[in-house]
Amino acid sequence: HEVVLVQEFAIGQEFAIDVVSKNGEHKVAAVWIYDKRPANGASFVYYATKLYDGENMDELCNYVRKTLDALDIKWGITHNEIILTA
């Protein structure tokens, strides 16, 4: 492998935002919230994923749209994961 991606471990609430993009217009199809809990000696496991319609919706969706624009993604389906740390 010639390329490596490294990211810091973020602690916070994790969300997934599924988006469909057509000619640069991004439509949010679903927003999910991850339910993570300690189990079997691990600090967390993914226990469940639930559809989300709560606080920070506009902030989450707008952030994803801006990110897709910055990456020049104009067409396709994306699954975006965000961890709110504050």
PDB file of N, CA and C in Angstrom:
ATOM      1  N   HIS A   1       0.843  -1.188   0.000  1.00  0.00           N
ATOM      2  CA  HIS A   1       0.000   0.000   0.000  1.00  0.00           C
ATOM      3  C   HIS A   1       0.881   1.242   0.000  1.00  0.00           C
ATOM      4  N   GLU A   2       0.485   2.226  -0.764  1.00  0.00           N
ATOM      5  CA  GLU A   2       1.252   3.462  -0.854  1.00  0.00           C
ATOM      6  C   GLU A   2       0.617   4.613  -0.102  1.00  0.00           C
ATOM      7  N   VAL A   3      -0.640   4.442   0.322  1.00  0.00           N
ATOM      8  CA  VAL A   3      -1.360   5.525   0.990  1.00  0.00           C
ATOM      9  C   VAL A   3      -1.927   5.005   2.304  1.00  0.00           C
ATOM     10  N   VAL A   4      -1.839   5.837   3.317  1.00  0.00           N
ATOM     11  CA  VAL A   4      -2.370   5.485   4.626  1.00  0.00           C
ATOM     12  C   VAL A   4      -3.204   6.647   5.140  1.00  0.00           C
ATOM     13  N   LEU A   5      -4.336   6.334   5.737  1.00  0.00           N
ATOM     14  CA  LEU A   5      -5.182   7.342   6.368  1.00  0.00           C
ATOM     15  C   LEU A   5      -5.162   7.101   7.869  1.00  0.00           C
ATOM     16  N   VAL A   6      -4.849   8.139   8.627  1.00  0.00           N
ATOM     17  CA  VAL A   6      -4.818   8.051  10.080  1.00  0.00           C
ATOM     18  C   VAL A   6      -5.742   9.116  10.635  1.00  0.00           C
ATOM     19  N   GLN A   7      -6.558   8.741  11.619  1.00  0.00           N
ATOM     20  CA  GLN A   7      -7.411   9.734  12.262  1.00  0.00           C
ATOM     21  C   GLN A   7      -7.365   9.512  13.760  1.00  0.00           C
ATOM     22  N   GLU A   8      -7.554  10.602  14.489  1.00  0.00           N
ATOM     23  CA  GLU A   8      -7.550  10.480  15.938  1.00  0.00           C
ATOM     24  C   GLU A   8      -8.837   9.821  16.405  1.00  0.00           C
ATOM     25  N   PHE A   9      -8.794   9.212  17.580  1.00  0.00           N
ATOM     26  CA  PHE A   9      -9.972   8.589  18.178  1.00  0.00           C
ATOM     27  C   PHE A   9     -10.825   9.692  18.789  1.00  0.00           C
ATOM     28  N   ALA A  10     -12.021   9.832  18.301  1.00  0.00           N
ATOM     29  CA  ALA A  10     -12.929  10.880  18.788  1.00  0.00           C
ATOM     30  C   ALA A  10     -13.955  10.256  19.727  1.00  0.00           C
ATOM     31  N   ILE A  11     -14.184  10.919  20.834  1.00  0.00           N
ATOM     32  CA  ILE A  11     -15.173  10.457  21.806  1.00  0.00           C
ATOM     33  C   ILE A  11     -16.374  11.386  21.727  1.00  0.00           C
ATOM     34  N   GLY A  12     -17.529  10.816  21.458  1.00  0.00           N
ATOM     35  CA  GLY A  12     -18.752  11.600  21.358  1.00  0.00           C
ATOM     36  C   GLY A  12     -19.851  10.785  20.715  1.00  0.00           C
ATOM     37  N   GLN A  13     -20.961  11.434  20.447  1.00  0.00           N
ATOM     38  CA  GLN A  13     -22.089  10.755  19.818  1.00  0.00           C
ATOM     39  C   GLN A  13     -21.829  10.594  18.327  1.00  0.00           C
ATOM     40  N   GLU A  14     -22.035   9.381  17.824  1.00  0.00           N
ATOM     41  CA  GLU A  14     -21.754   9.088  16.422  1.00  0.00           C
ATOM     42  C   GLU A  14     -23.048   9.028  15.614  1.00  0.00           C
ATOM     43  N   PHE A  15     -22.997   9.641  14.428  1.00  0.00           N
ATOM     44  CA  PHE A  15     -24.131   9.683  13.515  1.00  0.00           C
ATOM     45  C   PHE A  15     -23.675   9.210  12.137  1.00  0.00           C
ATOM     46  N   ALA A  16     -24.622   8.697  11.360  1.00  0.00           N
ATOM     47  CA  ALA A  16     -24.386   8.387   9.953  1.00  0.00           C
ATOM     48  C   ALA A  16     -25.434   9.136   9.146  1.00  0.00           C
ATOM     49  N   ILE A  17     -24.988   9.779   8.074  1.00  0.00           N
ATOM     50  CA  ILE A  17     -25.882  10.549   7.214  1.00  0.00           C
ATOM     51  C   ILE A  17     -25.749   9.979   5.804  1.00  0.00           C
ATOM     52  N   ASP A  18     -26.852   9.430   5.296  1.00  0.00           N
ATOM     53  CA  ASP A  18     -26.876   8.876   3.941  1.00  0.00           C
ATOM     54  C   ASP A  18     -27.424   9.923   2.988  1.00  0.00           C
ATOM     55  N   VAL A  19     -26.688  10.153   1.900  1.00  0.00           N
ATOM     56  CA  VAL A  19     -27.008  11.240   0.972  1.00  0.00           C
ATOM     57  C   VAL A  19     -27.015  10.729  -0.463  1.00  0.00           C
ATOM     58  N   VAL A  20     -27.946  11.229  -1.245  1.00  0.00           N
ATOM     59  CA  VAL A  20     -27.973  10.993  -2.681  1.00  0.00           C
ATOM     60  C   VAL A  20     -27.671  12.325  -3.357  1.00  0.00           C
ATOM     61  N   SER A  21     -26.683  12.319  -4.264  1.00  0.00           N
ATOM     62  CA  SER A  21     -26.279  13.553  -4.954  1.00  0.00           C
ATOM     63  C   SER A  21     -26.549  13.433  -6.442  1.00  0.00           C
ATOM     64  N   LYS A  22     -27.135  14.483  -6.999  1.00  0.00           N
ATOM     65  CA  LYS A  22     -27.417  14.540  -8.433  1.00  0.00           C
ATOM     66  C   LYS A  22     -26.997  15.908  -8.935  1.00  0.00           C
ATOM     67  N   ASN A  23     -25.981  15.926  -9.777  1.00  0.00           N
ATOM     68  CA  ASN A  23     -25.463  17.164 -10.360  1.00  0.00           C
ATOM     69  C   ASN A  23     -25.142  18.217  -9.294  1.00  0.00           C
ATOM     70  N   GLY A  24     -24.570  17.773  -8.175  1.00  0.00           N
ATOM     71  CA  GLY A  24     -24.148  18.685  -7.116  1.00  0.00           C
ATOM     72  C   GLY A  24     -25.226  19.056  -6.118  1.00  0.00           C
ATOM     73  N   GLU A  25     -26.445  18.581  -6.310  1.00  0.00           N
ATOM     74  CA  GLU A  25     -27.512  18.828  -5.337  1.00  0.00           C
ATOM     75  C   GLU A  25     -27.588  17.610  -4.420  1.00  0.00           C
ATOM     76  N   HIS A  26     -27.409  17.840  -3.126  1.00  0.00           N
ATOM     77  CA  HIS A  26     -27.315  16.753  -2.151  1.00  0.00           C
ATOM     78  C   HIS A  26     -28.618  16.645  -1.358  1.00  0.00           C
ATOM     79  N   LYS A  27     -29.239  15.475  -1.435  1.00  0.00           N
ATOM     80  CA  LYS A  27     -30.477  15.202  -0.697  1.00  0.00           C
ATOM     81  C   LYS A  27     -30.179  14.195   0.395  1.00  0.00           C
ATOM     82  N   VAL A  28     -30.498  14.545   1.627  1.00  0.00           N
ATOM     83  CA  VAL A  28     -30.295  13.633   2.745  1.00  0.00           C
ATOM     84  C   VAL A  28     -31.414  12.605   2.729  1.00  0.00           C
ATOM     85  N   ALA A  29     -31.036  11.322   2.651  1.00  0.00           N
ATOM     86  CA  ALA A  29     -32.014  10.238   2.618  1.00  0.00           C
ATOM     87  C   ALA A  29     -32.336   9.747   4.027  1.00  0.00           C
ATOM     88  N   ALA A  30     -31.334   9.728   4.897  1.00  0.00           N
ATOM     89  CA  ALA A  30     -31.556   9.239   6.266  1.00  0.00           C
ATOM     90  C   ALA A  30     -30.434   9.718   7.169  1.00  0.00           C
ATOM     91  N   VAL A  31     -30.789   9.941   8.422  1.00  0.00           N
ATOM     92  CA  VAL A  31     -29.809  10.248   9.467  1.00  0.00           C
ATOM     93  C   VAL A  31     -29.982   9.188  10.551  1.00  0.00           C
ATOM     94  N   TRP A  32     -28.882   8.563  10.911  1.00  0.00           N
ATOM     95  CA  TRP A  32     -28.875   7.481  11.893  1.00  0.00           C
ATOM     96  C   TRP A  32     -28.062   7.899  13.107  1.00  0.00           C
ATOM     97  N   ILE A  33     -28.440   7.386  14.267  1.00  0.00           N
ATOM     98  CA  ILE A  33     -27.646   7.576  15.486  1.00  0.00           C
ATOM     99  C   ILE A  33     -27.215   6.191  15.959  1.00  0.00           C
ATOM    100  N   TYR A  34     -25.946   6.076  16.315  1.00  0.00           N
ATOM    101  CA  TYR A  34     -25.409   4.801  16.780  1.00  0.00           C
ATOM    102  C   TYR A  34     -25.560   4.700  18.295  1.00  0.00           C
ATOM    103  N   ASP A  35     -26.016   3.549  18.733  1.00  0.00           N
ATOM    104  CA  ASP A  35     -26.103   3.235  20.158  1.00  0.00           C
ATOM    105  C   ASP A  35     -24.911   2.341  20.477  1.00  0.00           C
ATOM    106  N   LYS A  36     -23.895   2.919  21.141  1.00  0.00           N
ATOM    107  CA  LYS A  36     -22.684   2.179  21.487  1.00  0.00           C
ATOM    108  C   LYS A  36     -22.650   2.001  23.000  1.00  0.00           C
ATOM    109  N   ARG A  37     -22.281   0.786  23.442  1.00  0.00           N
ATOM    110  CA  ARG A  37     -22.248   0.481  24.870  1.00  0.00           C
ATOM    111  C   ARG A  37     -21.037  -0.394  25.193  1.00  0.00           C
ATOM    112  N   PRO A  38     -20.560  -0.311  26.442  1.00  0.00           N
ATOM    113  CA  PRO A  38     -19.498  -1.240  26.850  1.00  0.00           C
ATOM    114  C   PRO A  38     -20.044  -2.671  26.881  1.00  0.00           C
ATOM    115  N   ALA A  39     -19.222  -3.634  26.474  1.00  0.00           N
ATOM    116  CA  ALA A  39     -19.637  -5.040  26.514  1.00  0.00           C
ATOM    117  C   ALA A  39     -18.428  -5.950  26.392  1.00  0.00           C
ATOM    118  N   ASN A  40     -18.487  -7.066  27.070  1.00  0.00           N
ATOM    119  CA  ASN A  40     -17.465  -8.123  26.953  1.00  0.00           C
ATOM    120  C   ASN A  40     -16.046  -7.612  27.137  1.00  0.00           C
ATOM    121  N   GLY A  41     -15.872  -6.653  28.030  1.00  0.00           N
ATOM    122  CA  GLY A  41     -14.553  -6.120  28.310  1.00  0.00           C
ATOM    123  C   GLY A  41     -14.085  -5.035  27.351  1.00  0.00           C
ATOM    124  N   ALA A  42     -14.863  -4.772  26.304  1.00  0.00           N
ATOM    125  CA  ALA A  42     -14.513  -3.707  25.356  1.00  0.00           C
ATOM    126  C   ALA A  42     -15.122  -2.391  25.826  1.00  0.00           C
ATOM    127  N   SER A  43     -14.470  -1.282  25.480  1.00  0.00           N
ATOM    128  CA  SER A  43     -14.996   0.014  25.901  1.00  0.00           C
ATOM    129  C   SER A  43     -16.328   0.320  25.236  1.00  0.00           C
ATOM    130  N   PHE A  44     -16.561  -0.234  24.031  1.00  0.00           N
ATOM    131  CA  PHE A  44     -17.868  -0.119  23.404  1.00  0.00           C
ATOM    132  C   PHE A  44     -18.024  -1.136  22.277  1.00  0.00           C
ATOM    133  N   VAL A  45     -19.270  -1.480  22.029  1.00  0.00           N
ATOM    134  CA  VAL A  45     -19.653  -2.241  20.846  1.00  0.00           C
ATOM    135  C   VAL A  45     -20.853  -1.520  20.235  1.00  0.00           C
ATOM    136  N   TYR A  46     -21.058  -1.725  18.958  1.00  0.00           N
ATOM    137  CA  TYR A  46     -22.228  -1.141  18.304  1.00  0.00           C
ATOM    138  C   TYR A  46     -23.433  -2.009  18.651  1.00  0.00           C
ATOM    139  N   TYR A  47     -24.320  -1.474  19.477  1.00  0.00           N
ATOM    140  CA  TYR A  47     -25.478  -2.205  19.974  1.00  0.00           C
ATOM    141  C   TYR A  47     -26.658  -2.080  19.011  1.00  0.00           C
ATOM    142  N   ALA A  48     -26.893  -0.877  18.498  1.00  0.00           N
ATOM    143  CA  ALA A  48     -28.028  -0.651  17.596  1.00  0.00           C
ATOM    144  C   ALA A  48     -27.797   0.605  16.775  1.00  0.00           C
ATOM    145  N   THR A  49     -28.528   0.697  15.682  1.00  0.00           N
ATOM    146  CA  THR A  49     -28.561   1.894  14.853  1.00  0.00           C
ATOM    147  C   THR A  49     -30.021   2.305  14.731  1.00  0.00           C
ATOM    148  N   LYS A  50     -30.307   3.581  15.008  1.00  0.00           N
ATOM    149  CA  LYS A  50     -31.694   4.052  14.993  1.00  0.00           C
ATOM    150  C   LYS A  50     -31.808   5.279  14.102  1.00  0.00           C
ATOM    151  N   LEU A  51     -32.921   5.376  13.375  1.00  0.00           N
ATOM    152  CA  LEU A  51     -33.184   6.600  12.630  1.00  0.00           C
ATOM    153  C   LEU A  51     -33.263   7.765  13.598  1.00  0.00           C
ATOM    154  N   TYR A  52     -32.754   8.910  13.191  1.00  0.00           N
ATOM    155  CA  TYR A  52     -32.630  10.055  14.094  1.00  0.00           C
ATOM    156  C   TYR A  52     -33.348  11.269  13.521  1.00  0.00           C
ATOM    157  N   ASP A  53     -34.073  11.949  14.376  1.00  0.00           N
ATOM    158  CA  ASP A  53     -34.735  13.207  14.014  1.00  0.00           C
ATOM    159  C   ASP A  53     -34.757  14.090  15.253  1.00  0.00           C
ATOM    160  N   GLY A  54     -33.577  14.497  15.700  1.00  0.00           N
ATOM    161  CA  GLY A  54     -33.483  15.246  16.944  1.00  0.00           C
ATOM    162  C   GLY A  54     -32.637  16.493  16.804  1.00  0.00           C
ATOM    163  N   GLU A  55     -32.041  16.886  17.917  1.00  0.00           N
ATOM    164  CA  GLU A  55     -31.190  18.073  17.947  1.00  0.00           C
ATOM    165  C   GLU A  55     -30.029  17.914  16.959  1.00  0.00           C
ATOM    166  N   ASN A  56     -29.525  19.020  16.490  1.00  0.00           N
ATOM    167  CA  ASN A  56     -28.347  19.085  15.611  1.00  0.00           C
ATOM    168  C   ASN A  56     -28.601  18.584  14.196  1.00  0.00           C
ATOM    169  N   MET A  57     -29.848  18.303  13.829  1.00  0.00           N
ATOM    170  CA  MET A  57     -30.122  17.787  12.480  1.00  0.00           C
ATOM    171  C   MET A  57     -29.611  18.736  11.394  1.00  0.00           C
ATOM    172  N   ASP A  58     -29.967  20.013  11.503  1.00  0.00           N
ATOM    173  CA  ASP A  58     -29.535  20.976  10.487  1.00  0.00           C
ATOM    174  C   ASP A  58     -28.020  21.075  10.446  1.00  0.00           C
ATOM    175  N   GLU A  59     -27.401  21.116  11.615  1.00  0.00           N
ATOM    176  CA  GLU A  59     -25.941  21.215  11.696  1.00  0.00           C
ATOM    177  C   GLU A  59     -25.281  19.998  11.036  1.00  0.00           C
ATOM    178  N   LEU A  60     -25.762  18.809  11.332  1.00  0.00           N
ATOM    179  CA  LEU A  60     -25.196  17.590  10.763  1.00  0.00           C
ATOM    180  C   LEU A  60     -25.354  17.564   9.240  1.00  0.00           C
ATOM    181  N   CYS A  61     -26.558  17.824   8.770  1.00  0.00           N
ATOM    182  CA  CYS A  61     -26.837  17.767   7.329  1.00  0.00           C
ATOM    183  C   CYS A  61     -26.076  18.838   6.558  1.00  0.00           C
ATOM    184  N   ASN A  62     -26.030  20.051   7.088  1.00  0.00           N
ATOM    185  CA  ASN A  62     -25.293  21.129   6.421  1.00  0.00           C
ATOM    186  C   ASN A  62     -23.800  20.838   6.363  1.00  0.00           C
ATOM    187  N   TYR A  63     -23.257  20.274   7.445  1.00  0.00           N
ATOM    188  CA  TYR A  63     -21.837  19.923   7.470  1.00  0.00           C
ATOM    189  C   TYR A  63     -21.523  18.894   6.387  1.00  0.00           C
ATOM    190  N   VAL A  64     -22.371  17.885   6.259  1.00  0.00           N
ATOM    191  CA  VAL A  64     -22.146  16.850   5.245  1.00  0.00           C
ATOM    192  C   VAL A  64     -22.248  17.447   3.843  1.00  0.00           C
ATOM    193  N   ARG A  65     -23.242  18.294   3.607  1.00  0.00           N
ATOM    194  CA  ARG A  65     -23.377  18.922   2.284  1.00  0.00           C
ATOM    195  C   ARG A  65     -22.132  19.741   1.932  1.00  0.00           C
ATOM    196  N   LYS A  66     -21.638  20.519   2.890  1.00  0.00           N
ATOM    197  CA  LYS A  66     -20.433  21.327   2.650  1.00  0.00           C
ATOM    198  C   LYS A  66     -19.213  20.438   2.393  1.00  0.00           C
ATOM    199  N   THR A  67     -19.135  19.324   3.106  1.00  0.00           N
ATOM    200  CA  THR A  67     -18.025  18.397   2.917  1.00  0.00           C
ATOM    201  C   THR A  67     -18.069  17.776   1.524  1.00  0.00           C
ATOM    202  N   LEU A  68     -19.265  17.367   1.085  1.00  0.00           N
ATOM    203  CA  LEU A  68     -19.397  16.794  -0.255  1.00  0.00           C
ATOM    204  C   LEU A  68     -19.036  17.823  -1.323  1.00  0.00           C
ATOM    205  N   ASP A  69     -19.441  19.074  -1.116  1.00  0.00           N
ATOM    206  CA  ASP A  69     -19.055  20.145  -2.050  1.00  0.00           C
ATOM    207  C   ASP A  69     -17.542  20.333  -2.071  1.00  0.00           C
ATOM    208  N   ALA A  70     -16.920  20.344  -0.896  1.00  0.00           N
ATOM    209  CA  ALA A  70     -15.466  20.542  -0.813  1.00  0.00           C
ATOM    210  C   ALA A  70     -14.711  19.412  -1.507  1.00  0.00           C
ATOM    211  N   LEU A  71     -15.279  18.209  -1.473  1.00  0.00           N
ATOM    212  CA  LEU A  71     -14.655  17.061  -2.138  1.00  0.00           C
ATOM    213  C   LEU A  71     -15.069  16.944  -3.601  1.00  0.00           C
ATOM    214  N   ASP A  72     -15.877  17.901  -4.053  1.00  0.00           N
ATOM    215  CA  ASP A  72     -16.353  17.955  -5.443  1.00  0.00           C
ATOM    216  C   ASP A  72     -17.115  16.693  -5.843  1.00  0.00           C
ATOM    217  N   ILE A  73     -17.899  16.172  -4.903  1.00  0.00           N
ATOM    218  CA  ILE A  73     -18.749  15.020  -5.197  1.00  0.00           C
ATOM    219  C   ILE A  73     -20.080  15.546  -5.725  1.00  0.00           C
ATOM    220  N   LYS A  74     -20.383  15.199  -6.947  1.00  0.00           N
ATOM    221  CA  LYS A  74     -21.582  15.730  -7.605  1.00  0.00           C
ATOM    222  C   LYS A  74     -22.634  14.662  -7.869  1.00  0.00           C
ATOM    223  N   TRP A  75     -22.217  13.419  -7.994  1.00  0.00           N
ATOM    224  CA  TRP A  75     -23.129  12.344  -8.347  1.00  0.00           C
ATOM    225  C   TRP A  75     -22.889  11.139  -7.449  1.00  0.00           C
ATOM    226  N   GLY A  76     -23.973  10.471  -7.062  1.00  0.00           N
ATOM    227  CA  GLY A  76     -23.843   9.195  -6.364  1.00  0.00           C
ATOM    228  C   GLY A  76     -24.463   9.173  -4.983  1.00  0.00           C
ATOM    229  N   ILE A  77     -24.208   8.071  -4.322  1.00  0.00           N
ATOM    230  CA  ILE A  77     -24.738   7.818  -2.982  1.00  0.00           C
ATOM    231  C   ILE A  77     -23.552   7.782  -2.025  1.00  0.00           C
ATOM    232  N   THR A  78     -23.671   8.476  -0.895  1.00  0.00           N
ATOM    233  CA  THR A  78     -22.593   8.463   0.101  1.00  0.00           C
ATOM    234  C   THR A  78     -23.146   8.122   1.478  1.00  0.00           C
ATOM    235  N   HIS A  79     -22.311   7.477   2.254  1.00  0.00           N
ATOM    236  CA  HIS A  79     -22.597   7.162   3.662  1.00  0.00           C
ATOM    237  C   HIS A  79     -21.540   7.903   4.464  1.00  0.00           C
ATOM    238  N   ASN A  80     -21.947   8.885   5.241  1.00  0.00           N
ATOM    239  CA  ASN A  80     -21.023   9.785   5.938  1.00  0.00           C
ATOM    240  C   ASN A  80     -21.166   9.588   7.434  1.00  0.00           C
ATOM    241  N   GLU A  81     -20.057   9.433   8.125  1.00  0.00           N
ATOM    242  CA  GLU A  81     -20.097   9.232   9.571  1.00  0.00           C
ATOM    243  C   GLU A  81     -19.458  10.426  10.284  1.00  0.00           C
ATOM    244  N   ILE A  82     -20.149  10.910  11.299  1.00  0.00           N
ATOM    245  CA  ILE A  82     -19.706  12.088  12.050  1.00  0.00           C
ATOM    246  C   ILE A  82     -19.797  11.772  13.535  1.00  0.00           C
ATOM    247  N   ILE A  83     -18.802  12.215  14.285  1.00  0.00           N
ATOM    248  CA  ILE A  83     -18.844  12.117  15.738  1.00  0.00           C
ATOM    249  C   ILE A  83     -18.843  13.530  16.295  1.00  0.00           C
ATOM    250  N   LEU A  84     -19.914  13.871  17.009  1.00  0.00           N
ATOM    251  CA  LEU A  84     -19.985  15.189  17.668  1.00  0.00           C
ATOM    252  C   LEU A  84     -19.251  15.081  18.993  1.00  0.00           C
ATOM    253  N   THR A  85     -18.220  15.893  19.146  1.00  0.00           N
ATOM    254  CA  THR A  85     -17.390  15.821  20.346  1.00  0.00           C
ATOM    255  C   THR A  85     -17.720  16.903  21.353  1.00  0.00           C
ATOM    256  N   ALA A  86     -18.536  17.862  20.963  1.00  0.00           N
ATOM    257  CA  ALA A  86     -18.878  18.936  21.905  1.00  0.00           C
ATOM    258  C   ALA A  86     -20.326  19.320  21.756  1.00  0.00           C
TER     259      ALA A  86
END
